N, C-alpha and C. Protein backbone atom coordinates (compact mmCIF):
# COMPACT_ATOMS: atom_id res chain seq x y z
N MET A 1 -36.97 23.32 43.80
CA MET A 1 -36.35 23.77 42.57
C MET A 1 -37.06 23.18 41.36
N LYS A 2 -37.46 21.91 41.46
CA LYS A 2 -38.14 21.26 40.34
C LYS A 2 -39.46 21.96 40.04
N THR A 3 -40.19 22.33 41.09
CA THR A 3 -41.47 23.02 40.92
C THR A 3 -41.26 24.38 40.25
N MET A 4 -40.22 25.08 40.64
CA MET A 4 -39.94 26.38 40.06
C MET A 4 -39.60 26.25 38.57
N MET A 5 -38.83 25.24 38.21
CA MET A 5 -38.48 25.03 36.81
C MET A 5 -39.71 24.68 35.98
N ILE A 6 -40.61 23.86 36.53
CA ILE A 6 -41.85 23.53 35.83
C ILE A 6 -42.68 24.79 35.62
N PHE A 7 -42.79 25.60 36.67
CA PHE A 7 -43.56 26.85 36.59
C PHE A 7 -42.97 27.78 35.53
N LEU A 8 -41.65 27.94 35.53
CA LEU A 8 -41.01 28.82 34.54
C LEU A 8 -41.18 28.27 33.13
N SER A 9 -41.11 26.97 32.96
CA SER A 9 -41.30 26.37 31.64
C SER A 9 -42.71 26.63 31.11
N VAL A 10 -43.70 26.46 31.98
CA VAL A 10 -45.08 26.72 31.58
C VAL A 10 -45.26 28.20 31.26
N LEU A 11 -44.71 29.05 32.08
CA LEU A 11 -44.83 30.50 31.87
C LEU A 11 -44.19 30.91 30.55
N ILE A 12 -43.01 30.41 30.27
CA ILE A 12 -42.32 30.76 29.03
C ILE A 12 -43.09 30.23 27.82
N THR A 13 -43.59 29.01 27.93
CA THR A 13 -44.37 28.44 26.83
C THR A 13 -45.63 29.25 26.58
N MET A 14 -46.26 29.70 27.65
CA MET A 14 -47.48 30.48 27.53
C MET A 14 -47.23 31.79 26.80
N PHE A 15 -46.12 32.44 27.12
CA PHE A 15 -45.85 33.75 26.53
C PHE A 15 -45.22 33.69 25.16
N THR A 16 -44.67 32.55 24.78
CA THR A 16 -44.02 32.47 23.48
C THR A 16 -44.79 31.62 22.48
N SER A 17 -45.99 31.23 22.82
CA SER A 17 -46.78 30.44 21.87
C SER A 17 -47.23 31.32 20.71
N THR A 18 -47.41 30.73 19.56
CA THR A 18 -47.77 31.51 18.38
C THR A 18 -49.17 32.08 18.49
N SER A 19 -50.05 31.42 19.24
CA SER A 19 -51.40 31.97 19.38
C SER A 19 -51.40 33.28 20.16
N ALA A 20 -50.45 33.43 21.06
CA ALA A 20 -50.36 34.68 21.81
C ALA A 20 -49.91 35.83 20.92
N PHE A 21 -49.09 35.55 19.95
CA PHE A 21 -48.60 36.59 19.06
C PHE A 21 -49.58 36.92 17.93
N ALA A 22 -50.55 36.06 17.71
CA ALA A 22 -51.47 36.23 16.59
C ALA A 22 -52.78 36.89 17.01
N HIS A 23 -52.71 37.81 17.93
CA HIS A 23 -53.93 38.45 18.41
C HIS A 23 -54.13 39.82 17.76
N THR A 24 -55.36 40.25 17.77
CA THR A 24 -55.65 41.63 17.38
C THR A 24 -56.16 42.34 18.61
N ASP A 25 -55.81 43.57 18.74
CA ASP A 25 -56.20 44.32 19.92
C ASP A 25 -57.16 45.42 19.51
N HIS A 26 -58.42 45.24 19.80
CA HIS A 26 -59.43 46.21 19.38
C HIS A 26 -59.36 47.50 20.19
N GLY A 27 -58.93 47.40 21.44
CA GLY A 27 -58.87 48.58 22.29
C GLY A 27 -57.71 49.50 21.95
N LEU A 28 -56.55 48.92 21.67
CA LEU A 28 -55.36 49.73 21.42
C LEU A 28 -55.10 49.96 19.94
N GLY A 29 -55.69 49.14 19.11
CA GLY A 29 -55.39 49.25 17.68
C GLY A 29 -54.10 48.55 17.36
N GLU A 30 -53.57 48.79 16.18
CA GLU A 30 -52.34 48.13 15.77
C GLU A 30 -51.20 49.12 15.55
N GLY A 31 -51.26 50.26 16.16
CA GLY A 31 -50.26 51.30 15.94
C GLY A 31 -49.23 51.37 17.04
N LEU A 32 -48.77 52.59 17.26
CA LEU A 32 -47.71 52.87 18.23
C LEU A 32 -48.15 52.54 19.66
N LEU A 33 -49.39 52.81 20.00
CA LEU A 33 -49.88 52.53 21.35
C LEU A 33 -49.82 51.04 21.65
N HIS A 34 -50.16 50.23 20.68
CA HIS A 34 -50.11 48.78 20.85
C HIS A 34 -48.67 48.31 21.05
N ALA A 35 -47.75 48.82 20.25
CA ALA A 35 -46.34 48.46 20.39
C ALA A 35 -45.78 48.91 21.73
N THR A 36 -46.16 50.10 22.17
CA THR A 36 -45.72 50.61 23.47
C THR A 36 -46.24 49.74 24.59
N PHE A 37 -47.48 49.32 24.49
CA PHE A 37 -48.06 48.43 25.49
C PHE A 37 -47.25 47.14 25.59
N HIS A 38 -46.88 46.57 24.45
CA HIS A 38 -46.11 45.33 24.47
C HIS A 38 -44.72 45.53 25.05
N ILE A 39 -44.09 46.64 24.76
CA ILE A 39 -42.77 46.93 25.32
C ILE A 39 -42.86 47.04 26.84
N VAL A 40 -43.83 47.77 27.33
CA VAL A 40 -44.01 47.92 28.78
C VAL A 40 -44.36 46.57 29.41
N PHE A 41 -45.23 45.81 28.78
CA PHE A 41 -45.63 44.52 29.31
C PHE A 41 -44.43 43.59 29.46
N TRP A 42 -43.61 43.47 28.40
CA TRP A 42 -42.47 42.58 28.47
C TRP A 42 -41.41 43.08 29.45
N PHE A 43 -41.27 44.38 29.58
CA PHE A 43 -40.35 44.93 30.58
C PHE A 43 -40.78 44.52 31.97
N ILE A 44 -42.08 44.60 32.25
CA ILE A 44 -42.59 44.21 33.57
C ILE A 44 -42.40 42.71 33.80
N VAL A 45 -42.65 41.90 32.78
CA VAL A 45 -42.47 40.45 32.91
C VAL A 45 -41.01 40.14 33.26
N PHE A 46 -40.07 40.73 32.53
CA PHE A 46 -38.66 40.46 32.79
C PHE A 46 -38.22 41.02 34.14
N ALA A 47 -38.77 42.15 34.55
CA ALA A 47 -38.43 42.72 35.85
C ALA A 47 -38.91 41.80 36.98
N VAL A 48 -40.10 41.25 36.84
CA VAL A 48 -40.61 40.33 37.85
C VAL A 48 -39.76 39.06 37.91
N ILE A 49 -39.37 38.54 36.77
CA ILE A 49 -38.52 37.35 36.74
C ILE A 49 -37.16 37.65 37.37
N TYR A 50 -36.60 38.82 37.07
CA TYR A 50 -35.32 39.21 37.65
C TYR A 50 -35.42 39.34 39.17
N LYS A 51 -36.47 40.01 39.64
CA LYS A 51 -36.63 40.18 41.09
C LYS A 51 -36.85 38.84 41.78
N ALA A 52 -37.61 37.94 41.15
CA ALA A 52 -37.85 36.62 41.74
C ALA A 52 -36.54 35.83 41.81
N THR A 53 -35.72 35.95 40.78
CA THR A 53 -34.43 35.26 40.78
C THR A 53 -33.53 35.81 41.87
N MET A 54 -33.47 37.12 42.01
CA MET A 54 -32.64 37.72 43.06
C MET A 54 -33.15 37.34 44.45
N TRP A 55 -34.46 37.31 44.63
CA TRP A 55 -35.03 36.92 45.91
C TRP A 55 -34.68 35.47 46.23
N TYR A 56 -34.79 34.61 45.21
CA TYR A 56 -34.49 33.18 45.41
C TYR A 56 -33.02 32.98 45.75
N ARG A 57 -32.13 33.70 45.07
CA ARG A 57 -30.69 33.58 45.37
C ARG A 57 -30.37 34.07 46.77
N SER A 58 -30.94 35.19 47.18
CA SER A 58 -30.65 35.70 48.52
C SER A 58 -31.25 34.79 49.59
N LYS A 59 -32.36 34.17 49.30
CA LYS A 59 -32.97 33.24 50.24
C LYS A 59 -32.10 32.01 50.41
N ASN A 60 -31.50 31.54 49.33
CA ASN A 60 -30.63 30.37 49.40
C ASN A 60 -29.32 30.66 50.10
N LYS A 61 -28.81 31.88 50.02
CA LYS A 61 -27.55 32.24 50.69
C LYS A 61 -27.72 32.25 52.20
N LYS A 62 -28.90 32.60 52.68
CA LYS A 62 -29.15 32.65 54.12
C LYS A 62 -29.42 31.27 54.59
């Protein structure tokens, strides 16, 4: 459990650091496509975290 909490703390810090938000995207530009990419990206991140949490809970119940 301690290892998982350390991993999640590092992951959250990595994704919420100000340097990550201060990027320019030359491939997508700064318009609607860029915003859509970020929405999809964060949806996938939260879906993976949700599935990992559900897997961990079901593993502990057994």
